[in-house]
Amino acid sequence: MALVCVRTVERVWSKYLKAGHYKPEPLNCGRKPKITQQTMDNILTKIKQQPDITLRELIEEFNLPLSQAALCKRLKKHGLTFKKRRSIQKTKNEPT
């Protein structure tokens, strides 16, 4: 047999009377994004129009209040990544 504090029972009963249920409320924790979804959509559109635009140019054009690293993380969440191309050709294994 488990003992429960009287105050706990009162809180649960009060919540049930007000809300009609006693499920816990969702947590609204975490940092809010510094840029809106509309701004992010505009950035993605700009990247489609101009694929070679740099992070710095995006930050300056949209006057974004975040760093290049933070913008890079946001773009990765949308599936956009950047890979450098090697400018040197790989050596071929040719018989000598």
C-alpha atoms as a PDB file:
ATOM      1  CA  MET A   1       0.000   0.000   0.000  1.00  0.00           C
ATOM      2  CA  ALA A   2       1.437   3.354  -1.063  1.00  0.00           C
ATOM      3  CA  LEU A   3       0.934   6.510   0.918  1.00  0.00           C
ATOM      4  CA  VAL A   4       0.258   9.764  -0.908  1.00  0.00           C
ATOM      5  CA  CYS A   5       0.455  13.206   0.590  1.00  0.00           C
ATOM      6  CA  VAL A   6      -2.918  14.899   1.119  1.00  0.00           C
ATOM      7  CA  ARG A   7      -1.719  18.021  -0.742  1.00  0.00           C
ATOM      8  CA  THR A   8      -0.935  15.906  -3.820  1.00  0.00           C
ATOM      9  CA  VAL A   9      -4.450  14.480  -3.843  1.00  0.00           C
ATOM     10  CA  GLU A  10      -5.874  18.001  -3.486  1.00  0.00           C
ATOM     11  CA  ARG A  11      -3.809  19.270  -6.453  1.00  0.00           C
ATOM     12  CA  VAL A  12      -4.809  16.351  -8.671  1.00  0.00           C
ATOM     13  CA  TRP A  13      -8.496  16.684  -7.728  1.00  0.00           C
ATOM     14  CA  SER A  14      -8.408  20.452  -8.321  1.00  0.00           C
ATOM     15  CA  LYS A  15      -6.837  19.942 -11.735  1.00  0.00           C
ATOM     16  CA  TYR A  16      -9.461  17.334 -12.605  1.00  0.00           C
ATOM     17  CA  LEU A  17     -12.286  19.696 -11.655  1.00  0.00           C
ATOM     18  CA  LYS A  18     -10.842  22.575 -13.721  1.00  0.00           C
ATOM     19  CA  ALA A  19      -9.570  20.734 -16.809  1.00  0.00           C
ATOM     20  CA  GLY A  20     -11.599  17.536 -16.808  1.00  0.00           C
ATOM     21  CA  HIS A  21      -8.437  15.401 -16.740  1.00  0.00           C
ATOM     22  CA  TYR A  22      -5.387  14.905 -14.575  1.00  0.00           C
ATOM     23  CA  LYS A  23      -2.751  14.414 -17.280  1.00  0.00           C
ATOM     24  CA  PRO A  24       0.392  16.537 -16.911  1.00  0.00           C
ATOM     25  CA  GLU A  25       0.619  19.672 -19.040  1.00  0.00           C
ATOM     26  CA  PRO A  26       3.204  19.693 -21.853  1.00  0.00           C
ATOM     27  CA  LEU A  27       6.504  21.290 -20.967  1.00  0.00           C
ATOM     28  CA  ASN A  28       7.439  24.441 -22.834  1.00  0.00           C
ATOM     29  CA  CYS A  29      11.099  24.232 -22.095  1.00  0.00           C
ATOM     30  CA  GLY A  30      13.997  25.099 -24.336  1.00  0.00           C
ATOM     31  CA  ARG A  31      15.218  28.198 -26.002  1.00  0.00           C
ATOM     32  CA  LYS A  32      12.919  29.930 -28.471  1.00  0.00           C
ATOM     33  CA  PRO A  33      14.338  30.296 -31.997  1.00  0.00           C
ATOM     34  CA  LYS A  34      15.798  33.709 -32.808  1.00  0.00           C
ATOM     35  CA  ILE A  35      14.400  33.688 -36.337  1.00  0.00           C
ATOM     36  CA  THR A  36      10.830  33.021 -37.381  1.00  0.00           C
ATOM     37  CA  GLN A  37       9.665  30.262 -39.687  1.00  0.00           C
ATOM     38  CA  GLN A  38       8.796  32.861 -42.328  1.00  0.00           C
ATOM     39  CA  THR A  39      12.363  34.194 -42.275  1.00  0.00           C
ATOM     40  CA  MET A  40      13.684  30.637 -42.538  1.00  0.00           C
ATOM     41  CA  ASP A  41      11.435  30.037 -45.555  1.00  0.00           C
ATOM     42  CA  ASN A  42      12.804  33.225 -47.165  1.00  0.00           C
ATOM     43  CA  ILE A  43      16.370  32.022 -46.521  1.00  0.00           C
ATOM     44  CA  LEU A  44      15.645  28.629 -48.104  1.00  0.00           C
ATOM     45  CA  THR A  45      14.100  30.349 -51.137  1.00  0.00           C
ATOM     46  CA  LYS A  46      17.172  32.569 -51.477  1.00  0.00           C
ATOM     47  CA  ILE A  47      19.449  29.518 -51.318  1.00  0.00           C
ATOM     48  CA  LYS A  48      17.451  27.844 -54.110  1.00  0.00           C
ATOM     49  CA  GLN A  49      17.778  30.999 -56.231  1.00  0.00           C
ATOM     50  CA  GLN A  50      21.472  31.487 -55.465  1.00  0.00           C
ATOM     51  CA  PRO A  51      23.055  28.152 -54.426  1.00  0.00           C
ATOM     52  CA  ASP A  52      26.569  29.572 -54.015  1.00  0.00           C
ATOM     53  CA  ILE A  53      25.596  32.182 -51.397  1.00  0.00           C
ATOM     54  CA  THR A  54      27.678  32.126 -48.223  1.00  0.00           C
ATOM     55  CA  LEU A  55      26.461  32.078 -44.630  1.00  0.00           C
ATOM     56  CA  ARG A  56      27.918  35.522 -44.062  1.00  0.00           C
ATOM     57  CA  GLU A  57      26.002  36.921 -47.043  1.00  0.00           C
ATOM     58  CA  LEU A  58      22.760  35.379 -45.758  1.00  0.00           C
ATOM     59  CA  ILE A  59      23.276  36.887 -42.307  1.00  0.00           C
ATOM     60  CA  GLU A  60      23.965  40.330 -43.771  1.00  0.00           C
ATOM     61  CA  GLU A  61      21.115  40.226 -46.309  1.00  0.00           C
ATOM     62  CA  PHE A  62      18.432  39.133 -43.829  1.00  0.00           C
ATOM     63  CA  ASN A  63      19.982  41.016 -40.869  1.00  0.00           C
ATOM     64  CA  LEU A  64      19.940  37.847 -38.741  1.00  0.00           C
ATOM     65  CA  PRO A  65      20.750  38.016 -35.010  1.00  0.00           C
ATOM     66  CA  LEU A  66      22.781  34.791 -34.981  1.00  0.00           C
ATOM     67  CA  SER A  67      26.235  33.483 -35.780  1.00  0.00           C
ATOM     68  CA  GLN A  68      27.354  31.576 -38.848  1.00  0.00           C
ATOM     69  CA  ALA A  69      27.580  28.378 -36.798  1.00  0.00           C
ATOM     70  CA  ALA A  70      23.987  28.765 -35.562  1.00  0.00           C
ATOM     71  CA  LEU A  71      22.706  29.399 -39.096  1.00  0.00           C
ATOM     72  CA  CYS A  72      24.655  26.366 -40.316  1.00  0.00           C
ATOM     73  CA  LYS A  73      22.926  24.198 -37.681  1.00  0.00           C
ATOM     74  CA  ARG A  74      19.490  25.496 -38.722  1.00  0.00           C
ATOM     75  CA  LEU A  75      20.241  24.759 -42.383  1.00  0.00           C
ATOM     76  CA  LYS A  76      21.410  21.242 -41.528  1.00  0.00           C
ATOM     77  CA  LYS A  77      18.058  20.624 -39.819  1.00  0.00           C
ATOM     78  CA  HIS A  78      16.438  21.433 -43.168  1.00  0.00           C
ATOM     79  CA  GLY A  79      18.694  18.945 -44.953  1.00  0.00           C
ATOM     80  CA  LEU A  80      21.127  21.443 -46.464  1.00  0.00           C
ATOM     81  CA  THR A  81      24.809  20.681 -46.107  1.00  0.00           C
ATOM     82  CA  PHE A  82      27.974  21.990 -47.647  1.00  0.00           C
ATOM     83  CA  LYS A  83      30.885  19.916 -48.796  1.00  0.00           C
ATOM     84  CA  LYS A  84      34.085  21.376 -50.129  1.00  0.00           C
ATOM     85  CA  ARG A  85      35.295  20.032 -53.412  1.00  0.00           C
ATOM     86  CA  ARG A  86      38.868  19.063 -53.592  1.00  0.00           C
ATOM     87  CA  SER A  87      40.697  21.223 -56.095  1.00  0.00           C
ATOM     88  CA  ILE A  88      43.484  18.670 -56.589  1.00  0.00           C
ATOM     89  CA  GLN A  89      42.972  15.507 -58.521  1.00  0.00           C
ATOM     90  CA  LYS A  90      43.666  12.251 -56.794  1.00  0.00           C
ATOM     91  CA  THR A  91      46.686  10.398 -58.034  1.00  0.00           C
ATOM     92  CA  LYS A  92      46.027   7.409 -60.194  1.00  0.00           C
ATOM     93  CA  ASN A  93      47.738   4.124 -59.532  1.00  0.00           C
ATOM     94  CA  GLU A  94      49.388   3.545 -62.866  1.00  0.00           C
ATOM     95  CA  PRO A  95      51.863   0.780 -63.480  1.00  0.00           C
ATOM     96  CA  THR A  96      55.394   2.108 -63.887  1.00  0.00           C
END
